[in-house]
Amino acid sequence: MSSLSALKTPIFAVEGILHITPADYRLEVCGLVEMPRIFSLKELKTLFTAQTINSRLTSVSGWSVRADWHGILWKDFLDKVRPLPEARYVLFTSAGDYTTAVWLPDLADSKSMLVWEVNGQPLEDEYGGPVRMIIPNLWGYKSCKWLTRIQFLPRYETGYWELRGYSHRGQIEPGETFDVNSQKWRLISGGEVTEF
């Protein structure tokens, strides 16, 4: 059992829980980028220097969890794939075709990353493993689980939850959230949750 499971972190999976073995995992990088290619999980781990960042994943459904996320910092990923100047958005796609688009400037947060471990353990299928995005300054539906494609685009494309009325930008709003770690309701001021 992972630490996220032990904390009883809620599981949301509109496509059902997807199962991808690490050996079969592939990440396609395409669109307006100098270095389009397909990475295996092994290549992601060997071609990039992995980092560990402590931050929160905060859900629009009313909860937030703090963890040590381990993987590739978004800025390091960009350095390798080199998006073209006309790229303005990134479309993230899951293995089950869930999509969400993010403005490139909203990913400039130093804690945004591609993640394959949490608190020193492999990311479980239930929480989006083998690889997912973590974007601490945006609502959790922007942090695509079971990530299999990253496409750089000149124009915005409406994603799964955005088509159903969720904010296109996905910026965390002030309010109250349930802190999974302490099991208490806490006030948040908006943006990345750093208060606790």
C-alpha atoms as a PDB file:
ATOM      1  CA  MET A   1       0.000   0.000   0.000  1.00  0.00           C
ATOM      2  CA  SER A   2       1.361   3.422  -0.969  1.00  0.00           C
ATOM      3  CA  SER A   3       1.376   6.475   1.261  1.00  0.00           C
ATOM      4  CA  LEU A   4      -1.448   8.013  -0.815  1.00  0.00           C
ATOM      5  CA  SER A   5      -3.562   4.916  -0.169  1.00  0.00           C
ATOM      6  CA  ALA A   6      -2.622   4.902   3.509  1.00  0.00           C
ATOM      7  CA  LEU A   7      -3.786   8.517   3.788  1.00  0.00           C
ATOM      8  CA  LYS A   8      -7.065   7.548   2.081  1.00  0.00           C
ATOM      9  CA  THR A   9      -6.422  10.057  -0.680  1.00  0.00           C
ATOM     10  CA  PRO A  10      -9.551  10.172  -2.851  1.00  0.00           C
ATOM     11  CA  ILE A  11      -9.398   8.408  -6.214  1.00  0.00           C
ATOM     12  CA  PHE A  12     -11.036   9.993  -9.242  1.00  0.00           C
ATOM     13  CA  ALA A  13     -10.955   8.154 -12.556  1.00  0.00           C
ATOM     14  CA  VAL A  14     -13.604   9.118 -15.102  1.00  0.00           C
ATOM     15  CA  GLU A  15     -12.256   6.424 -17.457  1.00  0.00           C
ATOM     16  CA  GLY A  16     -11.918   3.832 -14.709  1.00  0.00           C
ATOM     17  CA  ILE A  17      -8.540   2.940 -13.245  1.00  0.00           C
ATOM     18  CA  LEU A  18      -6.081   2.281 -16.057  1.00  0.00           C
ATOM     19  CA  HIS A  19      -3.329  -0.320 -15.800  1.00  0.00           C
ATOM     20  CA  ILE A  20      -0.087   0.145 -17.745  1.00  0.00           C
ATOM     21  CA  THR A  21       2.958  -1.940 -16.903  1.00  0.00           C
ATOM     22  CA  PRO A  22       6.193   0.042 -16.576  1.00  0.00           C
ATOM     23  CA  ALA A  23       7.736  -2.049 -19.376  1.00  0.00           C
ATOM     24  CA  ASP A  24       4.882  -1.176 -21.754  1.00  0.00           C
ATOM     25  CA  TYR A  25       4.686   2.506 -20.868  1.00  0.00           C
ATOM     26  CA  ARG A  26       5.295   5.047 -23.663  1.00  0.00           C
ATOM     27  CA  LEU A  27       5.099   8.851 -23.682  1.00  0.00           C
ATOM     28  CA  GLU A  28       4.664  10.573 -27.043  1.00  0.00           C
ATOM     29  CA  VAL A  29       5.866  14.170 -27.367  1.00  0.00           C
ATOM     30  CA  CYS A  30       4.566  15.885 -30.496  1.00  0.00           C
ATOM     31  CA  GLY A  31       3.215  19.060 -32.079  1.00  0.00           C
ATOM     32  CA  LEU A  32       5.149  22.325 -32.119  1.00  0.00           C
ATOM     33  CA  VAL A  33       8.382  20.979 -30.680  1.00  0.00           C
ATOM     34  CA  GLU A  34      11.934  20.658 -32.031  1.00  0.00           C
ATOM     35  CA  MET A  35      12.445  17.145 -30.682  1.00  0.00           C
ATOM     36  CA  PRO A  36       9.301  15.039 -31.213  1.00  0.00           C
ATOM     37  CA  ARG A  37       9.781  11.488 -30.011  1.00  0.00           C
ATOM     38  CA  ILE A  38       8.391   8.623 -27.988  1.00  0.00           C
ATOM     39  CA  PHE A  39       9.979   7.893 -24.596  1.00  0.00           C
ATOM     40  CA  SER A  40       9.836   4.651 -22.650  1.00  0.00           C
ATOM     41  CA  LEU A  41       9.767   4.904 -18.867  1.00  0.00           C
ATOM     42  CA  LYS A  42      13.352   3.666 -18.778  1.00  0.00           C
ATOM     43  CA  GLU A  43      14.395   6.450 -21.173  1.00  0.00           C
ATOM     44  CA  LEU A  44      12.650   9.094 -19.072  1.00  0.00           C
ATOM     45  CA  LYS A  45      14.572   7.865 -16.048  1.00  0.00           C
ATOM     46  CA  THR A  46      17.939   7.732 -17.815  1.00  0.00           C
ATOM     47  CA  LEU A  47      17.803  10.767 -20.148  1.00  0.00           C
ATOM     48  CA  PHE A  48      16.673  13.241 -17.496  1.00  0.00           C
ATOM     49  CA  THR A  49      17.946  14.074 -14.035  1.00  0.00           C
ATOM     50  CA  ALA A  50      15.123  13.249 -11.638  1.00  0.00           C
ATOM     51  CA  GLN A  51      14.215  15.566  -8.780  1.00  0.00           C
ATOM     52  CA  THR A  52      12.021  15.332  -5.690  1.00  0.00           C
ATOM     53  CA  ILE A  53       9.675  18.218  -4.896  1.00  0.00           C
ATOM     54  CA  ASN A  54       7.436  18.581  -1.857  1.00  0.00           C
ATOM     55  CA  SER A  55       4.132  20.162  -2.872  1.00  0.00           C
ATOM     56  CA  ARG A  56       0.384  19.781  -2.803  1.00  0.00           C
ATOM     57  CA  LEU A  57      -2.060  18.306  -5.282  1.00  0.00           C
ATOM     58  CA  THR A  58      -5.338  20.168  -4.765  1.00  0.00           C
ATOM     59  CA  SER A  59      -8.646  18.968  -6.186  1.00  0.00           C
ATOM     60  CA  VAL A  60     -11.516  21.186  -7.268  1.00  0.00           C
ATOM     61  CA  SER A  61     -13.723  18.593  -5.539  1.00  0.00           C
ATOM     62  CA  GLY A  62     -12.547  19.837  -2.129  1.00  0.00           C
ATOM     63  CA  TRP A  63      -9.397  18.067  -0.920  1.00  0.00           C
ATOM     64  CA  SER A  64      -5.634  18.575  -0.953  1.00  0.00           C
ATOM     65  CA  VAL A  65      -2.701  16.251  -0.239  1.00  0.00           C
ATOM     66  CA  ARG A  66       0.961  17.092   0.385  1.00  0.00           C
ATOM     67  CA  ALA A  67       3.653  14.639  -0.747  1.00  0.00           C
ATOM     68  CA  ASP A  68       7.204  14.267  -2.006  1.00  0.00           C
ATOM     69  CA  TRP A  69       6.756  13.868  -5.778  1.00  0.00           C
ATOM     70  CA  HIS A  70       9.666  12.403  -7.750  1.00  0.00           C
ATOM     71  CA  GLY A  71      10.267  12.710 -11.474  1.00  0.00           C
ATOM     72  CA  ILE A  72      11.208  15.303 -14.109  1.00  0.00           C
ATOM     73  CA  LEU A  73      10.818  19.003 -13.483  1.00  0.00           C
ATOM     74  CA  TRP A  74       8.786  20.555 -16.303  1.00  0.00           C
ATOM     75  CA  LYS A  75      11.523  23.122 -16.989  1.00  0.00           C
ATOM     76  CA  ASP A  76      14.066  20.314 -17.463  1.00  0.00           C
ATOM     77  CA  PHE A  77      11.666  18.499 -19.758  1.00  0.00           C
ATOM     78  CA  LEU A  78      11.260  21.646 -21.886  1.00  0.00           C
ATOM     79  CA  ASP A  79      15.031  22.030 -22.128  1.00  0.00           C
ATOM     80  CA  LYS A  80      15.221  18.601 -23.755  1.00  0.00           C
ATOM     81  CA  VAL A  81      12.230  18.702 -26.149  1.00  0.00           C
ATOM     82  CA  ARG A  82      12.422  22.442 -26.979  1.00  0.00           C
ATOM     83  CA  PRO A  83       8.958  23.734 -27.923  1.00  0.00           C
ATOM     84  CA  LEU A  84       8.823  26.078 -30.922  1.00  0.00           C
ATOM     85  CA  PRO A  85       8.128  29.814 -30.377  1.00  0.00           C
ATOM     86  CA  GLU A  86       4.569  29.526 -31.726  1.00  0.00           C
ATOM     87  CA  ALA A  87       3.619  26.912 -29.087  1.00  0.00           C
ATOM     88  CA  ARG A  88       1.248  28.544 -26.584  1.00  0.00           C
ATOM     89  CA  TYR A  89      -0.552  25.576 -25.011  1.00  0.00           C
ATOM     90  CA  VAL A  90       0.171  22.009 -23.978  1.00  0.00           C
ATOM     91  CA  LEU A  91      -2.442  19.292 -24.451  1.00  0.00           C
ATOM     92  CA  PHE A  92      -1.984  16.404 -22.009  1.00  0.00           C
ATOM     93  CA  THR A  93      -3.621  13.076 -22.924  1.00  0.00           C
ATOM     94  CA  SER A  94      -4.057   9.962 -20.801  1.00  0.00           C
ATOM     95  CA  ALA A  95      -3.912   6.330 -21.913  1.00  0.00           C
ATOM     96  CA  GLY A  96      -7.710   6.399 -22.002  1.00  0.00           C
ATOM     97  CA  ASP A  97      -7.949   9.608 -24.082  1.00  0.00           C
ATOM     98  CA  TYR A  98      -8.738  11.989 -21.200  1.00  0.00           C
ATOM     99  CA  THR A  99      -7.408  15.393 -22.220  1.00  0.00           C
ATOM    100  CA  THR A 100      -6.714  18.734 -20.616  1.00  0.00           C
ATOM    101  CA  ALA A 101      -4.918  21.762 -22.060  1.00  0.00           C
ATOM    102  CA  VAL A 102      -2.706  24.128 -20.068  1.00  0.00           C
ATOM    103  CA  TRP A 103      -1.325  27.542 -20.980  1.00  0.00           C
ATOM    104  CA  LEU A 104       2.476  27.259 -21.216  1.00  0.00           C
ATOM    105  CA  PRO A 105       3.015  30.185 -18.788  1.00  0.00           C
ATOM    106  CA  ASP A 106       0.903  28.369 -16.171  1.00  0.00           C
ATOM    107  CA  LEU A 107       3.438  25.519 -16.271  1.00  0.00           C
ATOM    108  CA  ALA A 108       6.346  27.841 -15.516  1.00  0.00           C
ATOM    109  CA  ASP A 109       5.864  27.145 -11.801  1.00  0.00           C
ATOM    110  CA  SER A 110       9.116  25.595 -10.592  1.00  0.00           C
ATOM    111  CA  LYS A 111       7.248  22.694  -8.985  1.00  0.00           C
ATOM    112  CA  SER A 112       5.394  21.460 -12.098  1.00  0.00           C
ATOM    113  CA  MET A 113       6.669  18.006 -13.033  1.00  0.00           C
ATOM    114  CA  LEU A 114       6.200  14.615 -14.641  1.00  0.00           C
ATOM    115  CA  VAL A 115       5.992  12.170 -11.734  1.00  0.00           C
ATOM    116  CA  TRP A 116       6.562   8.405 -11.356  1.00  0.00           C
ATOM    117  CA  GLU A 117       7.152   8.132  -7.594  1.00  0.00           C
ATOM    118  CA  VAL A 118       5.453   9.562  -4.522  1.00  0.00           C
ATOM    119  CA  ASN A 119       7.025   9.527  -1.057  1.00  0.00           C
ATOM    120  CA  GLY A 120       9.719   7.136  -2.276  1.00  0.00           C
ATOM    121  CA  GLN A 121       7.348   4.571  -3.804  1.00  0.00           C
ATOM    122  CA  PRO A 122       6.246   3.930  -7.407  1.00  0.00           C
ATOM    123  CA  LEU A 123       3.088   5.838  -8.303  1.00  0.00           C
ATOM    124  CA  GLU A 124       0.161   3.416  -8.063  1.00  0.00           C
ATOM    125  CA  ASP A 125      -2.270   2.806 -10.917  1.00  0.00           C
ATOM    126  CA  GLU A 126      -5.084   4.272  -8.809  1.00  0.00           C
ATOM    127  CA  TYR A 127      -3.284   7.620  -8.695  1.00  0.00           C
ATOM    128  CA  GLY A 128      -2.216   7.768 -12.335  1.00  0.00           C
ATOM    129  CA  GLY A 129       0.901   5.591 -12.561  1.00  0.00           C
ATOM    130  CA  PRO A 130       3.250   4.830 -14.148  1.00  0.00           C
ATOM    131  CA  VAL A 131       3.540   8.587 -15.002  1.00  0.00           C
ATOM    132  CA  ARG A 132       1.314  11.585 -14.336  1.00  0.00           C
ATOM    133  CA  MET A 133       1.598  15.359 -14.228  1.00  0.00           C
ATOM    134  CA  ILE A 134       1.675  17.324 -10.993  1.00  0.00           C
ATOM    135  CA  ILE A 135       0.917  21.040 -11.430  1.00  0.00           C
ATOM    136  CA  PRO A 136       0.622  22.406  -7.867  1.00  0.00           C
ATOM    137  CA  ASN A 137      -0.612  25.879  -8.862  1.00  0.00           C
ATOM    138  CA  LEU A 138      -3.642  24.531 -10.787  1.00  0.00           C
ATOM    139  CA  TRP A 139      -6.624  22.396  -9.826  1.00  0.00           C
ATOM    140  CA  GLY A 140      -5.918  18.662  -9.942  1.00  0.00           C
ATOM    141  CA  TYR A 141      -7.873  17.974 -13.158  1.00  0.00           C
ATOM    142  CA  LYS A 142      -5.047  19.747 -14.998  1.00  0.00           C
ATOM    143  CA  SER A 143      -2.552  17.210 -13.571  1.00  0.00           C
ATOM    144  CA  CYS A 144      -3.254  14.491 -16.143  1.00  0.00           C
ATOM    145  CA  LYS A 145      -3.049  10.904 -14.845  1.00  0.00           C
ATOM    146  CA  TRP A 146      -1.812   7.916 -16.914  1.00  0.00           C
ATOM    147  CA  LEU A 147       0.018  10.441 -19.098  1.00  0.00           C
ATOM    148  CA  THR A 148       0.793   9.085 -22.584  1.00  0.00           C
ATOM    149  CA  ARG A 149       0.954  12.153 -24.837  1.00  0.00           C
ATOM    150  CA  ILE A 150       2.192  15.733 -24.534  1.00  0.00           C
ATOM    151  CA  GLN A 151       1.294  17.877 -27.537  1.00  0.00           C
ATOM    152  CA  PHE A 152       2.425  21.484 -28.003  1.00  0.00           C
ATOM    153  CA  LEU A 153      -0.235  23.595 -29.713  1.00  0.00           C
ATOM    154  CA  PRO A 154      -0.704  27.109 -31.149  1.00  0.00           C
ATOM    155  CA  ARG A 155      -4.391  27.199 -30.081  1.00  0.00           C
ATOM    156  CA  TYR A 156      -6.332  26.055 -27.043  1.00  0.00           C
ATOM    157  CA  GLU A 157      -8.232  22.750 -27.187  1.00  0.00           C
ATOM    158  CA  THR A 158     -11.032  22.134 -24.714  1.00  0.00           C
ATOM    159  CA  GLY A 159     -10.448  19.110 -22.487  1.00  0.00           C
ATOM    160  CA  TYR A 160     -12.728  16.561 -20.803  1.00  0.00           C
ATOM    161  CA  TRP A 161     -13.738  18.475 -17.673  1.00  0.00           C
ATOM    162  CA  GLU A 162     -13.570  21.852 -19.382  1.00  0.00           C
ATOM    163  CA  LEU A 163     -16.251  20.645 -21.827  1.00  0.00           C
ATOM    164  CA  ARG A 164     -18.377  19.951 -18.736  1.00  0.00           C
ATOM    165  CA  GLY A 165     -18.114  23.452 -17.315  1.00  0.00           C
ATOM    166  CA  TYR A 166     -14.841  23.409 -15.367  1.00  0.00           C
ATOM    167  CA  SER A 167     -12.535  26.428 -15.629  1.00  0.00           C
ATOM    168  CA  HIS A 168     -10.398  26.427 -18.766  1.00  0.00           C
ATOM    169  CA  ARG A 169      -7.483  27.991 -16.903  1.00  0.00           C
ATOM    170  CA  GLY A 170      -7.823  25.745 -13.845  1.00  0.00           C
ATOM    171  CA  GLN A 171      -6.467  28.267 -11.362  1.00  0.00           C
ATOM    172  CA  ILE A 172      -7.028  27.333  -7.712  1.00  0.00           C
ATOM    173  CA  GLU A 173      -9.565  29.663  -6.122  1.00  0.00           C
ATOM    174  CA  PRO A 174      -9.792  30.874  -2.510  1.00  0.00           C
ATOM    175  CA  GLY A 175     -12.022  28.827  -0.250  1.00  0.00           C
ATOM    176  CA  GLU A 176     -11.882  25.800   1.997  1.00  0.00           C
ATOM    177  CA  THR A 177     -10.327  22.402   1.338  1.00  0.00           C
ATOM    178  CA  PHE A 178      -9.974  19.141   3.234  1.00  0.00           C
ATOM    179  CA  ASP A 179      -6.316  18.509   4.081  1.00  0.00           C
ATOM    180  CA  VAL A 180      -5.866  14.772   3.579  1.00  0.00           C
ATOM    181  CA  ASN A 181      -2.639  14.774   5.601  1.00  0.00           C
ATOM    182  CA  SER A 182      -4.050  16.261   8.810  1.00  0.00           C
ATOM    183  CA  GLN A 183      -7.664  15.184   8.201  1.00  0.00           C
ATOM    184  CA  LYS A 184      -8.809  18.766   8.859  1.00  0.00           C
ATOM    185  CA  TRP A 185     -10.646  21.391   6.843  1.00  0.00           C
ATOM    186  CA  ARG A 186      -8.407  24.367   6.060  1.00  0.00           C
ATOM    187  CA  LEU A 187      -8.805  27.763   4.398  1.00  0.00           C
ATOM    188  CA  ILE A 188      -6.826  28.425   1.208  1.00  0.00           C
ATOM    189  CA  SER A 189      -6.107  31.828  -0.316  1.00  0.00           C
ATOM    190  CA  GLY A 190      -5.938  30.803  -3.992  1.00  0.00           C
ATOM    191  CA  GLY A 191      -3.092  29.693  -6.231  1.00  0.00           C
ATOM    192  CA  GLU A 192      -0.665  27.011  -5.063  1.00  0.00           C
ATOM    193  CA  VAL A 193      -1.603  25.850  -1.565  1.00  0.00           C
ATOM    194  CA  THR A 194       1.390  26.695   0.613  1.00  0.00           C
ATOM    195  CA  GLU A 195      -0.382  27.640   3.864  1.00  0.00           C
ATOM    196  CA  PHE A 196      -0.043  24.134   5.347  1.00  0.00           C
END
